[in-house]
């Protein structure tokens, strides 16, 4: 996700991580160790996860500039694959 953020941030693509039901101290340590450069939301009570119907992690959502959910994937995804990057490039160009 860090690579995607770095590659597409100038074109308006935003990566937002949402951490479910962990303490701030735990998440802060992880963010610092992994050098995560995009925002991380703490969902300490699980409400955001419930709102999006998250039943397992990781879960990935693609939301357009109008706030509409346009894609969802559950489980580990190879986001740095050529296919994934082409999809993101297409969506960014389409909605730009």
PDB file of N, CA and C in Angstrom:
ATOM      1  N   UNK A   1       0.821  -1.186   0.000  1.00  0.00           N
ATOM      2  CA  UNK A   1       0.000   0.000   0.000  1.00  0.00           C
ATOM      3  C   UNK A   1       0.872   1.258   0.000  1.00  0.00           C
ATOM      4  N   UNK A   2       2.029   1.164   0.643  1.00  0.00           N
ATOM      5  CA  UNK A   2       2.943   2.307   0.653  1.00  0.00           C
ATOM      6  C   UNK A   2       3.393   2.623  -0.769  1.00  0.00           C
ATOM      7  N   UNK A   3       3.731   1.592  -1.537  1.00  0.00           N
ATOM      8  CA  UNK A   3       4.167   1.797  -2.918  1.00  0.00           C
ATOM      9  C   UNK A   3       3.054   2.416  -3.751  1.00  0.00           C
ATOM     10  N   UNK A   4       1.825   1.943  -3.570  1.00  0.00           N
ATOM     11  CA  UNK A   4       0.692   2.523  -4.315  1.00  0.00           C
ATOM     12  C   UNK A   4       0.495   3.982  -3.940  1.00  0.00           C
ATOM     13  N   UNK A   5       0.532   4.256  -2.659  1.00  0.00           N
ATOM     14  CA  UNK A   5       0.382   5.641  -2.202  1.00  0.00           C
ATOM     15  C   UNK A   5       1.436   6.534  -2.849  1.00  0.00           C
ATOM     16  N   UNK A   6       2.686   6.085  -2.790  1.00  0.00           N
ATOM     17  CA  UNK A   6       3.775   6.896  -3.339  1.00  0.00           C
ATOM     18  C   UNK A   6       3.648   7.068  -4.853  1.00  0.00           C
ATOM     19  N   UNK A   7       3.221   6.018  -5.536  1.00  0.00           N
ATOM     20  CA  UNK A   7       3.125   6.077  -6.999  1.00  0.00           C
ATOM     21  C   UNK A   7       1.979   6.959  -7.490  1.00  0.00           C
ATOM     22  N   UNK A   8       0.853   6.937  -6.802  1.00  0.00           N
ATOM     23  CA  UNK A   8      -0.344   7.595  -7.328  1.00  0.00           C
ATOM     24  C   UNK A   8      -0.798   8.836  -6.562  1.00  0.00           C
ATOM     25  N   UNK A   9      -0.113   9.224  -5.498  1.00  0.00           N
ATOM     26  CA  UNK A   9      -0.591  10.343  -4.681  1.00  0.00           C
ATOM     27  C   UNK A   9      -0.683  11.656  -5.455  1.00  0.00           C
ATOM     28  N   UNK A  10       0.200  11.873  -6.415  1.00  0.00           N
ATOM     29  CA  UNK A  10       0.169  13.125  -7.195  1.00  0.00           C
ATOM     30  C   UNK A  10      -1.025  13.188  -8.151  1.00  0.00           C
ATOM     31  N   UNK A  11      -1.649  12.036  -8.422  1.00  0.00           N
ATOM     32  CA  UNK A  11      -2.796  12.029  -9.338  1.00  0.00           C
ATOM     33  C   UNK A  11      -4.127  12.010  -8.591  1.00  0.00           C
ATOM     34  N   UNK A  12      -4.085  12.242  -7.287  1.00  0.00           N
ATOM     35  CA  UNK A  12      -5.324  12.332  -6.520  1.00  0.00           C
ATOM     36  C   UNK A  12      -5.748  11.029  -5.863  1.00  0.00           C
ATOM     37  N   UNK A  13      -4.982   9.963  -6.012  1.00  0.00           N
ATOM     38  CA  UNK A  13      -5.293   8.679  -5.387  1.00  0.00           C
ATOM     39  C   UNK A  13      -4.907   8.755  -3.917  1.00  0.00           C
ATOM     40  N   UNK A  14      -5.813   8.338  -3.052  1.00  0.00           N
ATOM     41  CA  UNK A  14      -5.563   8.398  -1.618  1.00  0.00           C
ATOM     42  C   UNK A  14      -5.665   7.000  -1.023  1.00  0.00           C
ATOM     43  N   UNK A  15      -4.671   6.642  -0.255  1.00  0.00           N
ATOM     44  CA  UNK A  15      -4.718   5.411   0.526  1.00  0.00           C
ATOM     45  C   UNK A  15      -5.040   5.816   1.953  1.00  0.00           C
ATOM     46  N   UNK A  16      -6.049   5.186   2.528  1.00  0.00           N
ATOM     47  CA  UNK A  16      -6.415   5.416   3.916  1.00  0.00           C
ATOM     48  C   UNK A  16      -6.525   4.055   4.584  1.00  0.00           C
ATOM     49  N   UNK A  17      -5.714   3.815   5.569  1.00  0.00           N
ATOM     50  CA  UNK A  17      -5.788   2.562   6.321  1.00  0.00           C
ATOM     51  C   UNK A  17      -6.744   2.748   7.486  1.00  0.00           C
ATOM     52  N   UNK A  18      -7.501   1.721   7.763  1.00  0.00           N
ATOM     53  CA  UNK A  18      -8.394   1.749   8.918  1.00  0.00           C
ATOM     54  C   UNK A  18      -8.037   0.547   9.790  1.00  0.00           C
ATOM     55  N   UNK A  19      -7.593   0.825  10.984  1.00  0.00           N
ATOM     56  CA  UNK A  19      -7.209  -0.232  11.905  1.00  0.00           C
ATOM     57  C   UNK A  19      -8.396  -0.574  12.791  1.00  0.00           C
ATOM     58  N   UNK A  20      -8.759  -1.839  12.820  1.00  0.00           N
ATOM     59  CA  UNK A  20      -9.923  -2.277  13.571  1.00  0.00           C
ATOM     60  C   UNK A  20      -9.557  -2.762  14.968  1.00  0.00           C
ATOM     61  N   UNK A  21     -10.147  -2.117  15.948  1.00  0.00           N
ATOM     62  CA  UNK A  21     -10.152  -2.580  17.336  1.00  0.00           C
ATOM     63  C   UNK A  21      -8.775  -2.830  17.954  1.00  0.00           C
ATOM     64  N   UNK A  22      -7.831  -1.966  17.660  1.00  0.00           N
ATOM     65  CA  UNK A  22      -6.538  -2.051  18.337  1.00  0.00           C
ATOM     66  C   UNK A  22      -6.271  -0.739  19.054  1.00  0.00           C
ATOM     67  N   UNK A  23      -5.369  -0.785  19.998  1.00  0.00           N
ATOM     68  CA  UNK A  23      -5.036   0.402  20.775  1.00  0.00           C
ATOM     69  C   UNK A  23      -4.104   1.312  19.991  1.00  0.00           C
ATOM     70  N   UNK A  24      -4.212   2.599  20.265  1.00  0.00           N
ATOM     71  CA  UNK A  24      -3.409   3.607  19.577  1.00  0.00           C
ATOM     72  C   UNK A  24      -1.920   3.308  19.690  1.00  0.00           C
ATOM     73  N   UNK A  25      -1.474   2.903  20.837  1.00  0.00           N
ATOM     74  CA  UNK A  25      -0.054   2.614  21.053  1.00  0.00           C
ATOM     75  C   UNK A  25       0.431   1.501  20.116  1.00  0.00           C
ATOM     76  N   UNK A  26      -0.353   0.467  19.962  1.00  0.00           N
ATOM     77  CA  UNK A  26      -0.004  -0.659  19.088  1.00  0.00           C
ATOM     78  C   UNK A  26       0.081  -0.204  17.644  1.00  0.00           C
ATOM     79  N   UNK A  27      -0.916   0.575  17.210  1.00  0.00           N
ATOM     80  CA  UNK A  27      -0.960   1.045  15.829  1.00  0.00           C
ATOM     81  C   UNK A  27       0.179   2.022  15.557  1.00  0.00           C
ATOM     82  N   UNK A  28       0.426   2.921  16.481  1.00  0.00           N
ATOM     83  CA  UNK A  28       1.501   3.900  16.307  1.00  0.00           C
ATOM     84  C   UNK A  28       2.845   3.198  16.127  1.00  0.00           C
ATOM     85  N   UNK A  29       3.100   2.187  16.920  1.00  0.00           N
ATOM     86  CA  UNK A  29       4.351   1.433  16.805  1.00  0.00           C
ATOM     87  C   UNK A  29       4.464   0.789  15.421  1.00  0.00           C
ATOM     88  N   UNK A  30       3.375   0.168  14.946  1.00  0.00           N
ATOM     89  CA  UNK A  30       3.366  -0.466  13.629  1.00  0.00           C
ATOM     90  C   UNK A  30       3.619   0.550  12.519  1.00  0.00           C
ATOM     91  N   UNK A  31       2.934   1.690  12.588  1.00  0.00           N
ATOM     92  CA  UNK A  31       3.080   2.745  11.578  1.00  0.00           C
ATOM     93  C   UNK A  31       4.526   3.245  11.534  1.00  0.00           C
ATOM     94  N   UNK A  32       5.111   3.426  12.678  1.00  0.00           N
ATOM     95  CA  UNK A  32       6.503   3.893  12.729  1.00  0.00           C
ATOM     96  C   UNK A  32       7.469   2.838  12.200  1.00  0.00           C
ATOM     97  N   UNK A  33       7.274   1.577  12.581  1.00  0.00           N
ATOM     98  CA  UNK A  33       8.168   0.498  12.133  1.00  0.00           C
ATOM     99  C   UNK A  33       8.109   0.308  10.616  1.00  0.00           C
ATOM    100  N   UNK A  34       6.904   0.376  10.054  1.00  0.00           N
ATOM    101  CA  UNK A  34       6.707   0.149   8.616  1.00  0.00           C
ATOM    102  C   UNK A  34       6.875   1.416   7.789  1.00  0.00           C
ATOM    103  N   UNK A  35       7.063   2.557   8.486  1.00  0.00           N
ATOM    104  CA  UNK A  35       7.219   3.850   7.820  1.00  0.00           C
ATOM    105  C   UNK A  35       6.035   4.152   6.892  1.00  0.00           C
ATOM    106  N   UNK A  36       4.854   3.973   7.421  1.00  0.00           N
ATOM    107  CA  UNK A  36       3.626   4.224   6.664  1.00  0.00           C
ATOM    108  C   UNK A  36       3.449   5.724   6.508  1.00  0.00           C
ATOM    109  N   UNK A  37       3.291   6.152   5.261  1.00  0.00           N
ATOM    110  CA  UNK A  37       3.248   7.586   4.953  1.00  0.00           C
ATOM    111  C   UNK A  37       1.849   8.094   4.612  1.00  0.00           C
ATOM    112  N   UNK A  38       0.848   7.242   4.733  1.00  0.00           N
ATOM    113  CA  UNK A  38      -0.525   7.662   4.466  1.00  0.00           C
ATOM    114  C   UNK A  38      -1.320   7.631   5.776  1.00  0.00           C
ATOM    115  N   UNK A  39      -2.483   8.280   5.798  1.00  0.00           N
ATOM    116  CA  UNK A  39      -3.263   8.357   7.036  1.00  0.00           C
ATOM    117  C   UNK A  39      -3.762   6.987   7.513  1.00  0.00           C
ATOM    118  N   UNK A  40      -3.832   6.838   8.826  1.00  0.00           N
ATOM    119  CA  UNK A  40      -4.360   5.625   9.446  1.00  0.00           C
ATOM    120  C   UNK A  40      -5.446   6.043  10.436  1.00  0.00           C
ATOM    121  N   UNK A  41      -6.640   5.558  10.208  1.00  0.00           N
ATOM    122  CA  UNK A  41      -7.782   5.836  11.076  1.00  0.00           C
ATOM    123  C   UNK A  41      -7.872   4.735  12.121  1.00  0.00           C
ATOM    124  N   UNK A  42      -8.055   5.118  13.371  1.00  0.00           N
ATOM    125  CA  UNK A  42      -8.254   4.135  14.434  1.00  0.00           C
ATOM    126  C   UNK A  42      -9.756   3.904  14.614  1.00  0.00           C
ATOM    127  N   UNK A  43     -10.171   2.695  14.339  1.00  0.00           N
ATOM    128  CA  UNK A  43     -11.572   2.300  14.516  1.00  0.00           C
ATOM    129  C   UNK A  43     -11.636   1.422  15.763  1.00  0.00           C
ATOM    130  N   UNK A  44     -11.437   2.057  16.910  1.00  0.00           N
ATOM    131  CA  UNK A  44     -11.288   1.303  18.156  1.00  0.00           C
ATOM    132  C   UNK A  44     -12.540   0.534  18.565  1.00  0.00           C
ATOM    133  N   UNK A  45     -13.708   1.026  18.185  1.00  0.00           N
ATOM    134  CA  UNK A  45     -14.935   0.320  18.553  1.00  0.00           C
ATOM    135  C   UNK A  45     -15.506  -0.522  17.410  1.00  0.00           C
ATOM    136  N   UNK A  46     -14.860  -0.495  16.242  1.00  0.00           N
ATOM    137  CA  UNK A  46     -15.300  -1.317  15.114  1.00  0.00           C
ATOM    138  C   UNK A  46     -16.469  -0.766  14.329  1.00  0.00           C
ATOM    139  N   UNK A  47     -16.881   0.459  14.614  1.00  0.00           N
ATOM    140  CA  UNK A  47     -18.057   1.026  13.949  1.00  0.00           C
ATOM    141  C   UNK A  47     -17.856   1.217  12.445  1.00  0.00           C
ATOM    142  N   UNK A  48     -16.692   1.708  12.038  1.00  0.00           N
ATOM    143  CA  UNK A  48     -16.431   1.894  10.603  1.00  0.00           C
ATOM    144  C   UNK A  48     -16.434   0.540   9.900  1.00  0.00           C
ATOM    145  N   UNK A  49     -15.774  -0.422  10.499  1.00  0.00           N
ATOM    146  CA  UNK A  49     -15.771  -1.775   9.935  1.00  0.00           C
ATOM    147  C   UNK A  49     -17.179  -2.330   9.805  1.00  0.00           C
ATOM    148  N   UNK A  50     -18.007  -2.130  10.817  1.00  0.00           N
ATOM    149  CA  UNK A  50     -19.404  -2.577  10.756  1.00  0.00           C
ATOM    150  C   UNK A  50     -20.159  -1.869   9.640  1.00  0.00           C
ATOM    151  N   UNK A  51     -19.942  -0.561   9.506  1.00  0.00           N
ATOM    152  CA  UNK A  51     -20.640   0.213   8.468  1.00  0.00           C
ATOM    153  C   UNK A  51     -20.327  -0.306   7.070  1.00  0.00           C
ATOM    154  N   UNK A  52     -19.109  -0.801   6.863  1.00  0.00           N
ATOM    155  CA  UNK A  52     -18.714  -1.315   5.557  1.00  0.00           C
ATOM    156  C   UNK A  52     -18.870  -2.829   5.448  1.00  0.00           C
ATOM    157  N   UNK A  53     -19.386  -3.464   6.464  1.00  0.00           N
ATOM    158  CA  UNK A  53     -19.618  -4.897   6.419  1.00  0.00           C
ATOM    159  C   UNK A  53     -18.342  -5.731   6.434  1.00  0.00           C
ATOM    160  N   UNK A  54     -17.308  -5.246   7.088  1.00  0.00           N
ATOM    161  CA  UNK A  54     -16.048  -5.982   7.145  1.00  0.00           C
ATOM    162  C   UNK A  54     -16.229  -7.194   8.041  1.00  0.00           C
ATOM    163  N   UNK A  55     -15.971  -8.364   7.472  1.00  0.00           N
ATOM    164  CA  UNK A  55     -16.079  -9.618   8.218  1.00  0.00           C
ATOM    165  C   UNK A  55     -14.725 -10.302   8.368  1.00  0.00           C
ATOM    166  N   UNK A  56     -13.735  -9.819   7.626  1.00  0.00           N
ATOM    167  CA  UNK A  56     -12.389 -10.365   7.693  1.00  0.00           C
ATOM    168  C   UNK A  56     -11.402  -9.311   7.224  1.00  0.00           C
ATOM    169  N   UNK A  57     -10.167  -9.471   7.632  1.00  0.00           N
ATOM    170  CA  UNK A  57      -9.138  -8.527   7.226  1.00  0.00           C
ATOM    171  C   UNK A  57      -8.002  -9.284   6.556  1.00  0.00           C
ATOM    172  N   UNK A  58      -7.358  -8.694   5.603  1.00  0.00           N
ATOM    173  CA  UNK A  58      -7.619  -7.328   5.155  1.00  0.00           C
ATOM    174  C   UNK A  58      -8.836  -7.245   4.242  1.00  0.00           C
ATOM    175  N   UNK A  59      -9.447  -6.096   4.236  1.00  0.00           N
ATOM    176  CA  UNK A  59     -10.538  -5.777   3.311  1.00  0.00           C
ATOM    177  C   UNK A  59     -10.167  -4.471   2.620  1.00  0.00           C
ATOM    178  N   UNK A  60     -10.416  -4.392   1.342  1.00  0.00           N
ATOM    179  CA  UNK A  60     -10.015  -3.231   0.548  1.00  0.00           C
ATOM    180  C   UNK A  60     -11.249  -2.650  -0.137  1.00  0.00           C
ATOM    181  N   UNK A  61     -11.361  -1.336  -0.108  1.00  0.00           N
ATOM    182  CA  UNK A  61     -12.484  -0.653  -0.728  1.00  0.00           C
ATOM    183  C   UNK A  61     -11.952   0.439  -1.636  1.00  0.00           C
ATOM    184  N   UNK A  62     -12.565   0.581  -2.790  1.00  0.00           N
ATOM    185  CA  UNK A  62     -12.229   1.677  -3.692  1.00  0.00           C
ATOM    186  C   UNK A  62     -13.443   2.589  -3.733  1.00  0.00           C
ATOM    187  N   UNK A  63     -13.210   3.830  -3.348  1.00  0.00           N
ATOM    188  CA  UNK A  63     -14.281   4.819  -3.255  1.00  0.00           C
ATOM    189  C   UNK A  63     -13.902   5.977  -4.156  1.00  0.00           C
ATOM    190  N   UNK A  64     -14.838   6.387  -5.013  1.00  0.00           N
ATOM    191  CA  UNK A  64     -14.522   7.474  -5.943  1.00  0.00           C
ATOM    192  C   UNK A  64     -14.638   8.831  -5.254  1.00  0.00           C
ATOM    193  N   UNK A  65     -14.359   9.882  -6.018  1.00  0.00           N
ATOM    194  CA  UNK A  65     -14.363  11.242  -5.456  1.00  0.00           C
ATOM    195  C   UNK A  65     -15.737  11.677  -4.970  1.00  0.00           C
ATOM    196  N   UNK A  66     -16.784  11.026  -5.454  1.00  0.00           N
ATOM    197  CA  UNK A  66     -18.134  11.361  -5.031  1.00  0.00           C
ATOM    198  C   UNK A  66     -18.546  10.589  -3.773  1.00  0.00           C
ATOM    199  N   UNK A  67     -17.620   9.774  -3.243  1.00  0.00           N
ATOM    200  CA  UNK A  67     -17.901   9.004  -2.037  1.00  0.00           C
ATOM    201  C   UNK A  67     -18.642   7.708  -2.302  1.00  0.00           C
ATOM    202  N   UNK A  68     -18.705   7.288  -3.554  1.00  0.00           N
ATOM    203  CA  UNK A  68     -19.419   6.067  -3.919  1.00  0.00           C
ATOM    204  C   UNK A  68     -18.467   4.877  -3.895  1.00  0.00           C
ATOM    205  N   UNK A  69     -18.918   3.778  -3.319  1.00  0.00           N
ATOM    206  CA  UNK A  69     -18.143   2.550  -3.303  1.00  0.00           C
ATOM    207  C   UNK A  69     -18.188   1.945  -4.706  1.00  0.00           C
ATOM    208  N   UNK A  70     -17.022   1.820  -5.346  1.00  0.00           N
ATOM    209  CA  UNK A  70     -16.988   1.299  -6.715  1.00  0.00           C
ATOM    210  C   UNK A  70     -16.212  -0.015  -6.822  1.00  0.00           C
ATOM    211  N   UNK A  71     -15.644  -0.482  -5.718  1.00  0.00           N
ATOM    212  CA  UNK A  71     -14.941  -1.752  -5.748  1.00  0.00           C
ATOM    213  C   UNK A  71     -14.640  -2.234  -4.348  1.00  0.00           C
ATOM    214  N   UNK A  72     -14.586  -3.572  -4.202  1.00  0.00           N
ATOM    215  CA  UNK A  72     -14.311  -4.169  -2.905  1.00  0.00           C
ATOM    216  C   UNK A  72     -13.570  -5.476  -3.123  1.00  0.00           C
ATOM    217  N   UNK A  73     -12.572  -5.728  -2.297  1.00  0.00           N
ATOM    218  CA  UNK A  73     -11.843  -6.991  -2.349  1.00  0.00           C
ATOM    219  C   UNK A  73     -11.506  -7.397  -0.918  1.00  0.00           C
ATOM    220  N   UNK A  74     -11.677  -8.667  -0.625  1.00  0.00           N
ATOM    221  CA  UNK A  74     -11.377  -9.182   0.704  1.00  0.00           C
ATOM    222  C   UNK A  74     -10.214 -10.157   0.591  1.00  0.00           C
ATOM    223  N   UNK A  75      -9.306 -10.062   1.527  1.00  0.00           N
ATOM    224  CA  UNK A  75      -8.148 -10.950   1.540  1.00  0.00           C
ATOM    225  C   UNK A  75      -6.914 -10.249   1.009  1.00  0.00           C
ATOM    226  N   UNK A  76      -5.828 -10.972   1.020  1.00  0.00           N
ATOM    227  CA  UNK A  76      -4.557 -10.417   0.543  1.00  0.00           C
ATOM    228  C   UNK A  76      -4.626 -10.203  -0.971  1.00  0.00           C
ATOM    229  N   UNK A  77      -4.237  -9.031  -1.412  1.00  0.00           N
ATOM    230  CA  UNK A  77      -4.275  -8.654  -2.824  1.00  0.00           C
ATOM    231  C   UNK A  77      -2.876  -8.210  -3.230  1.00  0.00           C
ATOM    232  N   UNK A  78      -2.461  -8.595  -4.416  1.00  0.00           N
ATOM    233  CA  UNK A  78      -1.177  -8.144  -4.950  1.00  0.00           C
ATOM    234  C   UNK A  78      -1.314  -6.776  -5.584  1.00  0.00           C
ATOM    235  N   UNK A  79      -1.442  -5.747  -4.765  1.00  0.00           N
ATOM    236  CA  UNK A  79      -1.711  -4.404  -5.278  1.00  0.00           C
ATOM    237  C   UNK A  79      -0.578  -3.823  -6.097  1.00  0.00           C
ATOM    238  N   UNK A  80       0.603  -4.388  -6.018  1.00  0.00           N
ATOM    239  CA  UNK A  80       1.701  -3.852  -6.829  1.00  0.00           C
ATOM    240  C   UNK A  80       1.848  -4.593  -8.154  1.00  0.00           C
ATOM    241  N   UNK A  81       0.934  -5.516  -8.437  1.00  0.00           N
ATOM    242  CA  UNK A  81       0.979  -6.213  -9.722  1.00  0.00           C
ATOM    243  C   UNK A  81       0.656  -5.238 -10.848  1.00  0.00           C
ATOM    244  N   UNK A  82       1.050  -5.587 -12.040  1.00  0.00           N
ATOM    245  CA  UNK A  82       0.775  -4.751 -13.213  1.00  0.00           C
ATOM    246  C   UNK A  82      -0.731  -4.569 -13.378  1.00  0.00           C
ATOM    247  N   UNK A  83      -1.493  -5.627 -13.192  1.00  0.00           N
ATOM    248  CA  UNK A  83      -2.950  -5.553 -13.363  1.00  0.00           C
ATOM    249  C   UNK A  83      -3.580  -4.597 -12.349  1.00  0.00           C
ATOM    250  N   UNK A  84      -3.158  -4.699 -11.107  1.00  0.00           N
ATOM    251  CA  UNK A  84      -3.714  -3.818 -10.071  1.00  0.00           C
ATOM    252  C   UNK A  84      -3.353  -2.366 -10.325  1.00  0.00           C
ATOM    253  N   UNK A  85      -2.103  -2.130 -10.689  1.00  0.00           N
ATOM    254  CA  UNK A  85      -1.680  -0.751 -10.959  1.00  0.00           C
ATOM    255  C   UNK A  85      -2.396  -0.199 -12.182  1.00  0.00           C
ATOM    256  N   UNK A  86      -2.624  -1.021 -13.197  1.00  0.00           N
ATOM    257  CA  UNK A  86      -3.376  -0.574 -14.375  1.00  0.00           C
ATOM    258  C   UNK A  86      -4.815  -0.240 -14.006  1.00  0.00           C
ATOM    259  N   UNK A  87      -5.413  -1.034 -13.126  1.00  0.00           N
ATOM    260  CA  UNK A  87      -6.776  -0.748 -12.666  1.00  0.00           C
ATOM    261  C   UNK A  87      -6.827   0.596 -11.951  1.00  0.00           C
ATOM    262  N   UNK A  88      -5.902   0.818 -11.054  1.00  0.00           N
ATOM    263  CA  UNK A  88      -5.879   2.083 -10.317  1.00  0.00           C
ATOM    264  C   UNK A  88      -5.619   3.245 -11.262  1.00  0.00           C
ATOM    265  N   UNK A  89      -4.690   3.081 -12.172  1.00  0.00           N
ATOM    266  CA  UNK A  89      -4.408   4.140 -13.159  1.00  0.00           C
ATOM    267  C   UNK A  89      -5.664   4.459 -13.970  1.00  0.00           C
ATOM    268  N   UNK A  90      -6.387   3.417 -14.389  1.00  0.00           N
ATOM    269  CA  UNK A  90      -7.630   3.609 -15.143  1.00  0.00           C
ATOM    270  C   UNK A  90      -8.660   4.371 -14.299  1.00  0.00           C
ATOM    271  N   UNK A  91      -8.840   3.967 -13.055  1.00  0.00           N
ATOM    272  CA  UNK A  91      -9.827   4.614 -12.195  1.00  0.00           C
ATOM    273  C   UNK A  91      -9.446   6.057 -11.897  1.00  0.00           C
ATOM    274  N   UNK A  92      -8.176   6.313 -11.666  1.00  0.00           N
ATOM    275  CA  UNK A  92      -7.713   7.680 -11.408  1.00  0.00           C
ATOM    276  C   UNK A  92      -7.954   8.532 -12.648  1.00  0.00           C
ATOM    277  N   UNK A  93      -7.582   8.046 -13.812  1.00  0.00           N
ATOM    278  CA  UNK A  93      -7.764   8.817 -15.057  1.00  0.00           C
ATOM    279  C   UNK A  93      -9.239   9.034 -15.350  1.00  0.00           C
ATOM    280  N   UNK A  94     -10.053   8.021 -15.106  1.00  0.00           N
ATOM    281  CA  UNK A  94     -11.492   8.108 -15.370  1.00  0.00           C
ATOM    282  C   UNK A  94     -12.166   9.146 -14.471  1.00  0.00           C
ATOM    283  N   UNK A  95     -11.734   9.216 -13.231  1.00  0.00           N
ATOM    284  CA  UNK A  95     -12.368  10.106 -12.258  1.00  0.00           C
ATOM    285  C   UNK A  95     -11.630  11.410 -12.070  1.00  0.00           C
ATOM    286  N   UNK A  96     -10.609  11.639 -12.841  1.00  0.00           N
ATOM    287  CA  UNK A  96      -9.777  12.849 -12.667  1.00  0.00           C
ATOM    288  C   UNK A  96     -10.368  14.037 -13.348  1.00  0.00           C
TER     289      UNK A  96
END
